[in-house]
Amino acid sequence: MNLRPIRYIVLLVILLHFKANIAFAGWEVQQSGFDSLCILQYYSSTEVGHKLLAGALEELKKEGKLNQLTSLFVVELLDDSVFENEILSLLQKNNPTELEAALRSAENMHNPKVIALRDAVNNAVFGTATVEKINKELNSYGLNVLSASHEKLTIYEKDGVKHFFAFLWLSIK
């Protein structure tokens, strides 16, 4: 009996299972340190919470806590290449000099060239199509994205490509 085709099928199943597990993204409802406030945290590759933002918002609505939602913590959204490219495109369009200086300099968060990019990054995040989609979803629950904010902006290189990292959140009301 030839086991070769069976090995390929088993390997394919393992690869698909692995790919499905790392492709999962989710939104988790978290109570803040104050009982009257809560946040939603986005995870890019962890099987937690709700796969869709609408599911997390629906959970808050059912629990009567929708009005307690103050922010979306979206650090791992920076792992998404589409979102990161949206930010980069807006920075290249609106702040090309500051972006180029930051990309050419030492990329740590204390570097004056990176510090000069902070407000521009907030504006770029707020102007992305991704945040527009999030805002549209929030609008259906009577909420709006008010602003984008971050802390500890750094730029790092991986496989010859520059990437952003920051503790990123969207304030909502």
C-alpha atoms as a PDB file:
ATOM      1  CA  MET A   1       0.000   0.000   0.000  1.00  0.00           C
ATOM      2  CA  ASN A   2       1.355   3.421  -0.990  1.00  0.00           C
ATOM      3  CA  LEU A   3       1.193   5.812   2.001  1.00  0.00           C
ATOM      4  CA  ARG A   4       2.619   8.789   0.137  1.00  0.00           C
ATOM      5  CA  PRO A   5      -0.781  10.401  -0.764  1.00  0.00           C
ATOM      6  CA  ILE A   6      -1.976   9.941   2.824  1.00  0.00           C
ATOM      7  CA  ARG A   7       1.129  11.729   4.147  1.00  0.00           C
ATOM      8  CA  TYR A   8       0.415  14.685   1.840  1.00  0.00           C
ATOM      9  CA  ILE A   9      -3.198  14.852   2.985  1.00  0.00           C
ATOM     10  CA  VAL A  10      -2.161  14.740   6.644  1.00  0.00           C
ATOM     11  CA  LEU A  11       0.447  17.446   6.021  1.00  0.00           C
ATOM     12  CA  LEU A  12      -2.132  19.589   4.219  1.00  0.00           C
ATOM     13  CA  VAL A  13      -4.620  19.226   7.094  1.00  0.00           C
ATOM     14  CA  ILE A  14      -1.924  20.188   9.625  1.00  0.00           C
ATOM     15  CA  LEU A  15      -0.898  23.221   7.566  1.00  0.00           C
ATOM     16  CA  LEU A  16      -4.492  24.375   7.090  1.00  0.00           C
ATOM     17  CA  HIS A  17      -5.180  23.937  10.806  1.00  0.00           C
ATOM     18  CA  PHE A  18      -2.051  25.915  11.687  1.00  0.00           C
ATOM     19  CA  LYS A  19      -2.885  28.653   9.170  1.00  0.00           C
ATOM     20  CA  ALA A  20      -6.472  28.859  10.445  1.00  0.00           C
ATOM     21  CA  ASN A  21      -5.278  29.234  14.020  1.00  0.00           C
ATOM     22  CA  ILE A  22      -2.790  32.013  13.310  1.00  0.00           C
ATOM     23  CA  ALA A  23      -5.218  33.819  10.999  1.00  0.00           C
ATOM     24  CA  PHE A  24      -7.829  34.240  13.724  1.00  0.00           C
ATOM     25  CA  ALA A  25      -8.281  37.738  15.046  1.00  0.00           C
ATOM     26  CA  GLY A  26     -10.667  38.808  17.743  1.00  0.00           C
ATOM     27  CA  TRP A  27     -12.101  41.511  19.947  1.00  0.00           C
ATOM     28  CA  GLU A  28     -12.287  40.985  23.689  1.00  0.00           C
ATOM     29  CA  VAL A  29     -14.362  42.994  26.151  1.00  0.00           C
ATOM     30  CA  GLN A  30     -12.289  44.091  29.146  1.00  0.00           C
ATOM     31  CA  GLN A  31     -13.399  45.915  32.252  1.00  0.00           C
ATOM     32  CA  SER A  32     -11.070  48.788  33.079  1.00  0.00           C
ATOM     33  CA  GLY A  33      -9.750  49.498  36.568  1.00  0.00           C
ATOM     34  CA  PHE A  34     -12.913  51.504  37.089  1.00  0.00           C
ATOM     35  CA  ASP A  35     -16.066  49.403  37.189  1.00  0.00           C
ATOM     36  CA  SER A  36     -17.977  51.985  35.177  1.00  0.00           C
ATOM     37  CA  LEU A  37     -15.611  51.873  32.168  1.00  0.00           C
ATOM     38  CA  CYS A  38     -14.733  49.159  29.700  1.00  0.00           C
ATOM     39  CA  ILE A  39     -12.582  48.806  26.621  1.00  0.00           C
ATOM     40  CA  LEU A  40     -12.404  46.465  23.661  1.00  0.00           C
ATOM     41  CA  GLN A  41      -9.012  45.009  22.844  1.00  0.00           C
ATOM     42  CA  TYR A  42      -8.114  43.751  19.399  1.00  0.00           C
ATOM     43  CA  TYR A  43      -5.921  40.661  19.052  1.00  0.00           C
ATOM     44  CA  SER A  44      -4.449  39.888  15.651  1.00  0.00           C
ATOM     45  CA  SER A  45      -3.653  36.225  16.189  1.00  0.00           C
ATOM     46  CA  THR A  46      -5.158  35.028  19.430  1.00  0.00           C
ATOM     47  CA  GLU A  47      -8.364  33.050  19.554  1.00  0.00           C
ATOM     48  CA  VAL A  48     -10.222  35.166  22.109  1.00  0.00           C
ATOM     49  CA  GLY A  49     -13.464  37.030  22.315  1.00  0.00           C
ATOM     50  CA  HIS A  50     -15.442  37.822  19.210  1.00  0.00           C
ATOM     51  CA  LYS A  51     -14.133  37.458  15.685  1.00  0.00           C
ATOM     52  CA  LEU A  52     -16.020  40.585  14.627  1.00  0.00           C
ATOM     53  CA  LEU A  53     -16.202  43.976  16.298  1.00  0.00           C
ATOM     54  CA  ALA A  54     -19.998  43.794  15.988  1.00  0.00           C
ATOM     55  CA  GLY A  55     -20.034  40.691  18.205  1.00  0.00           C
ATOM     56  CA  ALA A  56     -18.165  42.479  20.992  1.00  0.00           C
ATOM     57  CA  LEU A  57     -20.405  45.537  20.660  1.00  0.00           C
ATOM     58  CA  GLU A  58     -23.477  43.293  20.785  1.00  0.00           C
ATOM     59  CA  GLU A  59     -22.163  41.689  24.008  1.00  0.00           C
ATOM     60  CA  LEU A  60     -21.803  45.138  25.584  1.00  0.00           C
ATOM     61  CA  LYS A  61     -25.271  46.092  24.414  1.00  0.00           C
ATOM     62  CA  LYS A  62     -26.829  42.947  25.924  1.00  0.00           C
ATOM     63  CA  GLU A  63     -25.038  43.613  29.231  1.00  0.00           C
ATOM     64  CA  GLY A  64     -26.180  47.255  29.233  1.00  0.00           C
ATOM     65  CA  LYS A  65     -22.566  48.449  29.141  1.00  0.00           C
ATOM     66  CA  LEU A  66     -22.390  50.027  25.703  1.00  0.00           C
ATOM     67  CA  ASN A  67     -22.379  53.498  27.248  1.00  0.00           C
ATOM     68  CA  GLN A  68     -19.370  52.483  29.389  1.00  0.00           C
ATOM     69  CA  LEU A  69     -17.149  51.814  26.377  1.00  0.00           C
ATOM     70  CA  THR A  70     -14.389  54.430  26.263  1.00  0.00           C
ATOM     71  CA  SER A  71     -11.759  53.073  23.913  1.00  0.00           C
ATOM     72  CA  LEU A  72     -10.554  50.399  21.551  1.00  0.00           C
ATOM     73  CA  PHE A  73      -7.054  49.168  22.335  1.00  0.00           C
ATOM     74  CA  VAL A  74      -5.663  48.269  18.893  1.00  0.00           C
ATOM     75  CA  VAL A  75      -1.916  47.710  19.316  1.00  0.00           C
ATOM     76  CA  GLU A  76      -2.013  44.492  17.322  1.00  0.00           C
ATOM     77  CA  LEU A  77      -3.823  46.191  14.452  1.00  0.00           C
ATOM     78  CA  LEU A  78      -0.345  47.464  13.534  1.00  0.00           C
ATOM     79  CA  ASP A  79       0.487  43.817  12.705  1.00  0.00           C
ATOM     80  CA  ASP A  80      -1.929  44.082   9.788  1.00  0.00           C
ATOM     81  CA  SER A  81       0.033  45.022   6.661  1.00  0.00           C
ATOM     82  CA  VAL A  82      -2.966  46.730   5.040  1.00  0.00           C
ATOM     83  CA  PHE A  83      -3.462  49.011   8.050  1.00  0.00           C
ATOM     84  CA  GLU A  84       0.244  49.725   8.330  1.00  0.00           C
ATOM     85  CA  ASN A  85       0.395  50.592   4.616  1.00  0.00           C
ATOM     86  CA  GLU A  86      -2.588  52.928   5.009  1.00  0.00           C
ATOM     87  CA  ILE A  87      -0.709  54.793   7.753  1.00  0.00           C
ATOM     88  CA  LEU A  88       2.490  54.867   5.718  1.00  0.00           C
ATOM     89  CA  SER A  89       0.682  56.177   2.626  1.00  0.00           C
ATOM     90  CA  LEU A  90      -0.933  59.001   4.589  1.00  0.00           C
ATOM     91  CA  LEU A  91       2.383  59.910   6.198  1.00  0.00           C
ATOM     92  CA  GLN A  92       4.108  59.912   2.797  1.00  0.00           C
ATOM     93  CA  LYS A  93       1.368  62.165   1.411  1.00  0.00           C
ATOM     94  CA  ASN A  94       1.030  64.600   4.342  1.00  0.00           C
ATOM     95  CA  ASN A  95       4.376  64.458   6.170  1.00  0.00           C
ATOM     96  CA  PRO A  96       7.012  63.184   3.733  1.00  0.00           C
ATOM     97  CA  THR A  97       9.938  65.155   5.193  1.00  0.00           C
ATOM     98  CA  GLU A  98       9.282  64.084   8.804  1.00  0.00           C
ATOM     99  CA  LEU A  99       8.671  60.479   7.760  1.00  0.00           C
ATOM    100  CA  GLU A 100      11.871  60.258   5.722  1.00  0.00           C
ATOM    101  CA  ALA A 101      13.903  61.795   8.564  1.00  0.00           C
ATOM    102  CA  ALA A 102      12.445  59.337  11.081  1.00  0.00           C
ATOM    103  CA  LEU A 103      13.031  56.339   8.808  1.00  0.00           C
ATOM    104  CA  ARG A 104      16.678  57.340   8.235  1.00  0.00           C
ATOM    105  CA  SER A 105      17.435  57.989  11.917  1.00  0.00           C
ATOM    106  CA  ALA A 106      17.892  55.780  14.946  1.00  0.00           C
ATOM    107  CA  GLU A 107      14.368  54.506  15.322  1.00  0.00           C
ATOM    108  CA  ASN A 108      13.869  54.435  19.090  1.00  0.00           C
ATOM    109  CA  MET A 109      11.028  56.300  20.768  1.00  0.00           C
ATOM    110  CA  HIS A 110      13.348  58.931  22.302  1.00  0.00           C
ATOM    111  CA  ASN A 111      14.838  60.013  18.995  1.00  0.00           C
ATOM    112  CA  PRO A 112      13.801  63.611  18.157  1.00  0.00           C
ATOM    113  CA  LYS A 113      13.051  62.586  14.549  1.00  0.00           C
ATOM    114  CA  VAL A 114      10.593  59.916  15.732  1.00  0.00           C
ATOM    115  CA  ILE A 115       9.133  62.279  18.346  1.00  0.00           C
ATOM    116  CA  ALA A 116       8.473  64.815  15.548  1.00  0.00           C
ATOM    117  CA  LEU A 117       6.301  62.193  13.828  1.00  0.00           C
ATOM    118  CA  ARG A 118       3.967  61.519  16.783  1.00  0.00           C
ATOM    119  CA  ASP A 119       1.105  63.894  15.937  1.00  0.00           C
ATOM    120  CA  ALA A 120       1.326  62.977  12.271  1.00  0.00           C
ATOM    121  CA  VAL A 121       0.950  59.283  13.153  1.00  0.00           C
ATOM    122  CA  ASN A 122      -2.176  60.004  15.221  1.00  0.00           C
ATOM    123  CA  ASN A 123      -3.658  61.946  12.307  1.00  0.00           C
ATOM    124  CA  ALA A 124      -2.707  59.225   9.824  1.00  0.00           C
ATOM    125  CA  VAL A 125      -4.245  56.470  11.962  1.00  0.00           C
ATOM    126  CA  PHE A 126      -7.435  58.510  12.328  1.00  0.00           C
ATOM    127  CA  GLY A 127      -7.574  59.004   8.544  1.00  0.00           C
ATOM    128  CA  THR A 128      -7.168  55.370   7.487  1.00  0.00           C
ATOM    129  CA  ALA A 129      -9.858  53.377   5.702  1.00  0.00           C
ATOM    130  CA  THR A 130      -9.538  50.794   8.487  1.00  0.00           C
ATOM    131  CA  VAL A 131     -10.516  53.318  11.156  1.00  0.00           C
ATOM    132  CA  GLU A 132     -13.310  54.571   8.885  1.00  0.00           C
ATOM    133  CA  LYS A 133     -14.686  50.993   8.783  1.00  0.00           C
ATOM    134  CA  ILE A 134     -14.394  50.693  12.559  1.00  0.00           C
ATOM    135  CA  ASN A 135     -16.161  54.034  12.944  1.00  0.00           C
ATOM    136  CA  LYS A 136     -18.964  52.932  10.627  1.00  0.00           C
ATOM    137  CA  GLU A 137     -19.482  49.818  12.761  1.00  0.00           C
ATOM    138  CA  LEU A 138     -19.487  51.934  15.928  1.00  0.00           C
ATOM    139  CA  ASN A 139     -21.960  54.370  14.341  1.00  0.00           C
ATOM    140  CA  SER A 140     -24.513  51.588  14.047  1.00  0.00           C
ATOM    141  CA  TYR A 141     -24.403  51.414  17.884  1.00  0.00           C
ATOM    142  CA  GLY A 142     -24.559  55.188  18.359  1.00  0.00           C
ATOM    143  CA  LEU A 143     -20.811  55.518  19.001  1.00  0.00           C
ATOM    144  CA  ASN A 144     -18.022  57.424  17.214  1.00  0.00           C
ATOM    145  CA  VAL A 145     -14.244  57.357  17.072  1.00  0.00           C
ATOM    146  CA  LEU A 146     -13.144  60.687  18.567  1.00  0.00           C
ATOM    147  CA  SER A 147      -9.389  60.381  18.158  1.00  0.00           C
ATOM    148  CA  ALA A 148      -6.412  58.112  17.712  1.00  0.00           C
ATOM    149  CA  SER A 149      -3.633  58.163  20.300  1.00  0.00           C
ATOM    150  CA  HIS A 150      -0.477  56.251  20.980  1.00  0.00           C
ATOM    151  CA  GLU A 151       2.479  55.928  23.298  1.00  0.00           C
ATOM    152  CA  LYS A 152       6.022  54.674  22.758  1.00  0.00           C
ATOM    153  CA  LEU A 153       6.152  55.045  18.987  1.00  0.00           C
ATOM    154  CA  THR A 154       9.112  53.168  17.563  1.00  0.00           C
ATOM    155  CA  ILE A 155      10.146  52.141  14.089  1.00  0.00           C
ATOM    156  CA  TYR A 156      11.857  48.799  13.641  1.00  0.00           C
ATOM    157  CA  GLU A 157      13.168  46.802  10.725  1.00  0.00           C
ATOM    158  CA  LYS A 158      12.230  43.214   9.965  1.00  0.00           C
ATOM    159  CA  ASP A 159      13.452  41.410   6.843  1.00  0.00           C
ATOM    160  CA  GLY A 160      14.619  44.725   5.388  1.00  0.00           C
ATOM    161  CA  VAL A 161      11.216  46.402   5.814  1.00  0.00           C
ATOM    162  CA  LYS A 162      10.475  49.233   8.259  1.00  0.00           C
ATOM    163  CA  HIS A 163       7.490  48.762  10.603  1.00  0.00           C
ATOM    164  CA  PHE A 164       5.761  50.810  13.275  1.00  0.00           C
ATOM    165  CA  PHE A 165       5.123  49.789  16.848  1.00  0.00           C
ATOM    166  CA  ALA A 166       3.163  51.785  19.393  1.00  0.00           C
ATOM    167  CA  PHE A 167       0.626  51.267  22.134  1.00  0.00           C
ATOM    168  CA  LEU A 168      -2.272  52.422  19.991  1.00  0.00           C
ATOM    169  CA  TRP A 169      -5.865  53.138  20.974  1.00  0.00           C
ATOM    170  CA  LEU A 170      -8.955  54.797  19.598  1.00  0.00           C
ATOM    171  CA  SER A 171     -10.978  56.961  21.973  1.00  0.00           C
ATOM    172  CA  ILE A 172     -14.716  56.683  21.416  1.00  0.00           C
ATOM    173  CA  LYS A 173     -17.913  58.246  22.656  1.00  0.00           C
END
